[in-house]
Amino acid sequence: MLSATKAYLCSAFMEYAGLERLDGAPKKIISSDPKDLERIIGCFVDEYVMLEFDVEKALRQQKEQALQQPQAEAAATEPRFQQSPIYSAGTELNTYVIYY
């Protein structure tokens, strides 16, 4: 599996850089400035390595929605407490009123 991954990355970078051979010069990468190379490699990683397929994205979004739905329902049905003072014979008693 590791060899297949290495081969994919090598082939993908060759295509991204415009290389026809491993020892050739890239046609799509002109700069040799280290900061430019970091940006270029970052773009390559975003496009080829960190690729999320549409199916994977849809499944991830469904899972996130399923996890958020019970939390929202629990928050909506959770009782809310509000302190309500009651005065009786000059003495203040603290009680709580529960709202559903």
N, C-alpha and C. Protein backbone atom coordinates (compact mmCIF):
# COMPACT_ATOMS: atom_id res chain seq x y z
N MET A 1 0.83 -1.20 0.00
CA MET A 1 0.00 0.00 0.00
C MET A 1 0.87 1.26 0.00
N LEU A 2 1.96 1.23 0.75
CA LEU A 2 2.84 2.38 0.82
C LEU A 2 3.45 2.69 -0.54
N SER A 3 3.84 1.66 -1.28
CA SER A 3 4.41 1.86 -2.62
C SER A 3 3.39 2.48 -3.56
N ALA A 4 2.13 2.06 -3.46
CA ALA A 4 1.08 2.61 -4.30
C ALA A 4 0.85 4.09 -3.96
N THR A 5 0.91 4.41 -2.68
CA THR A 5 0.74 5.81 -2.25
C THR A 5 1.88 6.67 -2.76
N LYS A 6 3.10 6.16 -2.64
CA LYS A 6 4.26 6.91 -3.14
C LYS A 6 4.16 7.11 -4.65
N ALA A 7 3.75 6.08 -5.36
CA ALA A 7 3.62 6.18 -6.82
C ALA A 7 2.54 7.19 -7.18
N TYR A 8 1.42 7.20 -6.45
CA TYR A 8 0.36 8.17 -6.73
C TYR A 8 0.87 9.59 -6.51
N LEU A 9 1.55 9.82 -5.38
CA LEU A 9 2.06 11.16 -5.08
C LEU A 9 3.08 11.62 -6.11
N CYS A 10 3.95 10.72 -6.50
CA CYS A 10 4.96 11.06 -7.50
C CYS A 10 4.30 11.39 -8.84
N SER A 11 3.38 10.57 -9.27
CA SER A 11 2.68 10.79 -10.53
C SER A 11 1.86 12.08 -10.48
N ALA A 12 1.18 12.29 -9.37
CA ALA A 12 0.35 13.49 -9.22
C ALA A 12 1.21 14.75 -9.24
N PHE A 13 2.37 14.72 -8.57
CA PHE A 13 3.22 15.91 -8.57
C PHE A 13 3.83 16.14 -9.95
N MET A 14 4.16 15.07 -10.63
CA MET A 14 4.69 15.23 -12.00
C MET A 14 3.65 15.92 -12.89
N GLU A 15 2.39 15.51 -12.77
CA GLU A 15 1.33 16.13 -13.55
C GLU A 15 1.14 17.59 -13.13
N TYR A 16 1.13 17.83 -11.83
CA TYR A 16 0.92 19.18 -11.29
C TYR A 16 2.03 20.14 -11.73
N ALA A 17 3.28 19.64 -11.72
CA ALA A 17 4.42 20.49 -12.05
C ALA A 17 4.70 20.56 -13.54
N GLY A 18 4.10 19.68 -14.30
CA GLY A 18 4.35 19.67 -15.74
C GLY A 18 5.63 18.94 -16.09
N LEU A 19 5.94 17.90 -15.34
CA LEU A 19 7.13 17.08 -15.61
C LEU A 19 6.77 15.93 -16.53
N GLU A 20 7.59 15.73 -17.54
CA GLU A 20 7.38 14.59 -18.43
C GLU A 20 8.22 13.40 -17.98
N ARG A 21 9.38 13.69 -17.36
CA ARG A 21 10.28 12.65 -16.82
C ARG A 21 10.71 13.07 -15.43
N LEU A 22 11.14 12.12 -14.62
CA LEU A 22 11.57 12.43 -13.25
C LEU A 22 12.77 13.37 -13.22
N ASP A 23 13.65 13.26 -14.20
CA ASP A 23 14.84 14.11 -14.21
C ASP A 23 14.67 15.34 -15.10
N GLY A 24 13.44 15.59 -15.54
CA GLY A 24 13.17 16.75 -16.40
C GLY A 24 12.94 18.02 -15.60
N ALA A 25 12.77 19.12 -16.31
CA ALA A 25 12.49 20.41 -15.69
C ALA A 25 10.98 20.65 -15.68
N PRO A 26 10.45 21.14 -14.57
CA PRO A 26 9.01 21.39 -14.52
C PRO A 26 8.60 22.55 -15.44
N LYS A 27 7.50 22.36 -16.14
CA LYS A 27 7.02 23.39 -17.05
C LYS A 27 6.04 24.35 -16.36
N LYS A 28 5.39 23.89 -15.31
CA LYS A 28 4.38 24.71 -14.65
C LYS A 28 4.90 25.41 -13.39
N ILE A 29 6.11 25.08 -12.96
CA ILE A 29 6.71 25.72 -11.79
C ILE A 29 7.95 26.47 -12.27
N ILE A 30 7.93 27.77 -12.13
CA ILE A 30 9.02 28.58 -12.65
C ILE A 30 9.95 29.06 -11.54
N SER A 31 9.39 29.43 -10.41
CA SER A 31 10.17 30.04 -9.32
C SER A 31 10.98 29.00 -8.56
N SER A 32 12.15 29.42 -8.08
CA SER A 32 12.94 28.56 -7.21
C SER A 32 13.07 29.19 -5.82
N ASP A 33 12.32 30.26 -5.57
CA ASP A 33 12.32 30.92 -4.27
C ASP A 33 11.67 29.98 -3.25
N PRO A 34 12.32 29.74 -2.10
CA PRO A 34 11.75 28.81 -1.11
C PRO A 34 10.33 29.16 -0.66
N LYS A 35 10.03 30.45 -0.54
CA LYS A 35 8.67 30.82 -0.12
C LYS A 35 7.65 30.47 -1.20
N ASP A 36 8.02 30.67 -2.44
CA ASP A 36 7.12 30.30 -3.53
C ASP A 36 6.95 28.79 -3.59
N LEU A 37 8.03 28.05 -3.37
CA LEU A 37 7.94 26.59 -3.40
C LEU A 37 7.04 26.08 -2.28
N GLU A 38 7.10 26.69 -1.09
CA GLU A 38 6.22 26.29 0.00
C GLU A 38 4.75 26.50 -0.39
N ARG A 39 4.46 27.63 -1.01
CA ARG A 39 3.10 27.91 -1.44
C ARG A 39 2.66 26.93 -2.52
N ILE A 40 3.55 26.66 -3.47
CA ILE A 40 3.24 25.73 -4.57
C ILE A 40 2.98 24.33 -4.03
N ILE A 41 3.85 23.88 -3.13
CA ILE A 41 3.66 22.54 -2.56
C ILE A 41 2.40 22.50 -1.71
N GLY A 42 2.10 23.59 -1.00
CA GLY A 42 0.86 23.66 -0.23
C GLY A 42 -0.37 23.53 -1.11
N CYS A 43 -0.33 24.19 -2.26
CA CYS A 43 -1.44 24.08 -3.22
C CYS A 43 -1.56 22.66 -3.76
N PHE A 44 -0.41 22.04 -4.03
CA PHE A 44 -0.42 20.66 -4.51
C PHE A 44 -1.05 19.73 -3.46
N VAL A 45 -0.63 19.89 -2.23
CA VAL A 45 -1.17 19.05 -1.15
C VAL A 45 -2.67 19.25 -1.03
N ASP A 46 -3.12 20.50 -1.07
CA ASP A 46 -4.56 20.77 -0.97
C ASP A 46 -5.34 20.13 -2.12
N GLU A 47 -4.77 20.19 -3.31
CA GLU A 47 -5.49 19.71 -4.50
C GLU A 47 -5.43 18.19 -4.67
N TYR A 48 -4.29 17.58 -4.37
CA TYR A 48 -4.11 16.15 -4.66
C TYR A 48 -4.10 15.24 -3.44
N VAL A 49 -3.59 15.74 -2.33
CA VAL A 49 -3.43 14.86 -1.17
C VAL A 49 -4.62 14.95 -0.22
N MET A 50 -5.05 16.16 0.07
CA MET A 50 -6.14 16.36 1.02
C MET A 50 -7.49 16.38 0.31
N LEU A 51 -7.56 15.75 -0.80
CA LEU A 51 -8.76 15.72 -1.63
C LEU A 51 -9.88 15.00 -0.89
N GLU A 52 -11.05 15.61 -0.87
CA GLU A 52 -12.23 14.98 -0.28
C GLU A 52 -13.24 14.77 -1.40
N PHE A 53 -13.56 13.52 -1.66
CA PHE A 53 -14.49 13.21 -2.72
C PHE A 53 -15.90 13.65 -2.33
N ASP A 54 -16.74 13.91 -3.33
CA ASP A 54 -18.11 14.38 -3.07
C ASP A 54 -18.87 13.41 -2.17
N VAL A 55 -18.69 12.11 -2.40
CA VAL A 55 -19.39 11.10 -1.60
C VAL A 55 -18.93 11.18 -0.15
N GLU A 56 -17.61 11.30 0.06
CA GLU A 56 -17.08 11.41 1.41
C GLU A 56 -17.61 12.67 2.10
N LYS A 57 -17.66 13.77 1.35
CA LYS A 57 -18.15 15.03 1.91
C LYS A 57 -19.61 14.90 2.31
N ALA A 58 -20.42 14.28 1.47
CA ALA A 58 -21.85 14.11 1.78
C ALA A 58 -22.03 13.24 3.02
N LEU A 59 -21.27 12.15 3.12
CA LEU A 59 -21.36 11.29 4.30
C LEU A 59 -20.93 12.02 5.57
N ARG A 60 -19.85 12.79 5.48
CA ARG A 60 -19.38 13.55 6.64
C ARG A 60 -20.42 14.56 7.09
N GLN A 61 -21.06 15.25 6.13
CA GLN A 61 -22.08 16.23 6.47
C GLN A 61 -23.30 15.57 7.10
N GLN A 62 -23.68 14.39 6.61
CA GLN A 62 -24.81 13.66 7.20
C GLN A 62 -24.51 13.28 8.64
N LYS A 63 -23.29 12.80 8.89
CA LYS A 63 -22.91 12.42 10.25
C LYS A 63 -22.92 13.63 11.18
N GLU A 64 -22.41 14.76 10.70
CA GLU A 64 -22.40 15.98 11.52
C GLU A 64 -23.82 16.43 11.84
N GLN A 65 -24.72 16.37 10.86
CA GLN A 65 -26.10 16.76 11.09
C GLN A 65 -26.78 15.82 12.07
N ALA A 66 -26.49 14.52 11.96
CA ALA A 66 -27.09 13.55 12.87
C ALA A 66 -26.61 13.78 14.30
N LEU A 67 -25.36 14.18 14.46
CA LEU A 67 -24.84 14.46 15.80
C LEU A 67 -25.41 15.76 16.36
N GLN A 68 -25.64 16.75 15.52
CA GLN A 68 -26.15 18.03 15.98
C GLN A 68 -27.64 17.99 16.29
N GLN A 69 -28.39 17.16 15.61
CA GLN A 69 -29.84 17.11 15.78
C GLN A 69 -30.24 16.71 17.21
N PRO A 70 -29.70 15.63 17.79
CA PRO A 70 -30.08 15.29 19.17
C PRO A 70 -29.70 16.38 20.17
N GLN A 71 -28.58 17.07 19.94
CA GLN A 71 -28.17 18.14 20.84
C GLN A 71 -29.17 19.29 20.80
N ALA A 72 -29.63 19.64 19.60
CA ALA A 72 -30.60 20.72 19.46
C ALA A 72 -31.94 20.34 20.08
N GLU A 73 -32.35 19.08 19.89
CA GLU A 73 -33.60 18.61 20.48
C GLU A 73 -33.52 18.59 21.99
N ALA A 74 -32.39 18.16 22.53
CA ALA A 74 -32.21 18.12 23.98
C ALA A 74 -32.24 19.53 24.57
N ALA A 75 -31.64 20.47 23.88
CA ALA A 75 -31.63 21.85 24.36
C ALA A 75 -33.04 22.44 24.34
N ALA A 76 -33.85 22.05 23.35
CA ALA A 76 -35.20 22.59 23.23
C ALA A 76 -36.13 22.02 24.30
N THR A 77 -35.91 20.79 24.73
CA THR A 77 -36.79 20.16 25.72
C THR A 77 -36.25 20.24 27.13
N GLU A 78 -35.06 20.75 27.29
CA GLU A 78 -34.44 20.86 28.61
C GLU A 78 -35.17 21.92 29.43
N PRO A 79 -35.52 21.61 30.68
CA PRO A 79 -36.21 22.61 31.50
C PRO A 79 -35.30 23.80 31.80
N ARG A 80 -35.90 24.98 31.79
CA ARG A 80 -35.16 26.19 32.13
C ARG A 80 -35.64 26.66 33.49
N PHE A 81 -34.72 27.04 34.33
CA PHE A 81 -35.05 27.48 35.67
C PHE A 81 -34.91 28.99 35.76
N GLN A 82 -35.86 29.60 36.47
CA GLN A 82 -35.78 31.03 36.70
C GLN A 82 -36.11 31.27 38.17
N GLN A 83 -35.24 32.02 38.83
CA GLN A 83 -35.45 32.28 40.24
C GLN A 83 -36.62 33.25 40.40
N SER A 84 -37.53 32.92 41.32
CA SER A 84 -38.70 33.74 41.55
C SER A 84 -38.86 33.95 43.06
N PRO A 85 -38.65 35.16 43.55
CA PRO A 85 -38.78 35.38 45.00
C PRO A 85 -40.25 35.39 45.42
N ILE A 86 -40.54 34.78 46.54
CA ILE A 86 -41.88 34.78 47.13
C ILE A 86 -41.77 35.45 48.49
N TYR A 87 -42.67 36.37 48.74
CA TYR A 87 -42.66 37.09 50.00
C TYR A 87 -43.77 36.53 50.88
N SER A 88 -43.41 36.14 52.09
CA SER A 88 -44.40 35.60 53.01
C SER A 88 -44.10 36.16 54.39
N ALA A 89 -45.02 36.91 54.91
CA ALA A 89 -44.92 37.50 56.25
C ALA A 89 -43.61 38.25 56.43
N GLY A 90 -43.23 39.01 55.40
CA GLY A 90 -42.04 39.84 55.51
C GLY A 90 -40.74 39.08 55.28
N THR A 91 -40.79 37.79 54.98
CA THR A 91 -39.59 36.98 54.76
C THR A 91 -39.55 36.61 53.28
N GLU A 92 -38.39 36.79 52.70
CA GLU A 92 -38.24 36.44 51.28
C GLU A 92 -37.79 34.99 51.18
N LEU A 93 -38.53 34.20 50.43
CA LEU A 93 -38.16 32.81 50.19
C LEU A 93 -37.77 32.69 48.73
N ASN A 94 -36.66 32.06 48.46
CA ASN A 94 -36.24 31.87 47.07
C ASN A 94 -36.78 30.54 46.57
N THR A 95 -37.55 30.60 45.52
CA THR A 95 -38.06 29.39 44.89
C THR A 95 -37.68 29.44 43.42
N TYR A 96 -37.83 28.34 42.76
CA TYR A 96 -37.49 28.27 41.34
C TYR A 96 -38.71 27.83 40.57
N VAL A 97 -38.97 28.50 39.48
CA VAL A 97 -40.07 28.15 38.60
C VAL A 97 -39.46 27.43 37.40
N ILE A 98 -40.06 26.31 37.04
CA ILE A 98 -39.54 25.52 35.91
C ILE A 98 -40.42 25.77 34.69
N TYR A 99 -39.78 26.17 33.59
CA TYR A 99 -40.46 26.41 32.32
C TYR A 99 -40.11 25.30 31.34
N TYR A 100 -41.11 24.78 30.67
CA TYR A 100 -40.87 23.74 29.65
C TYR A 100 -41.13 24.30 28.31
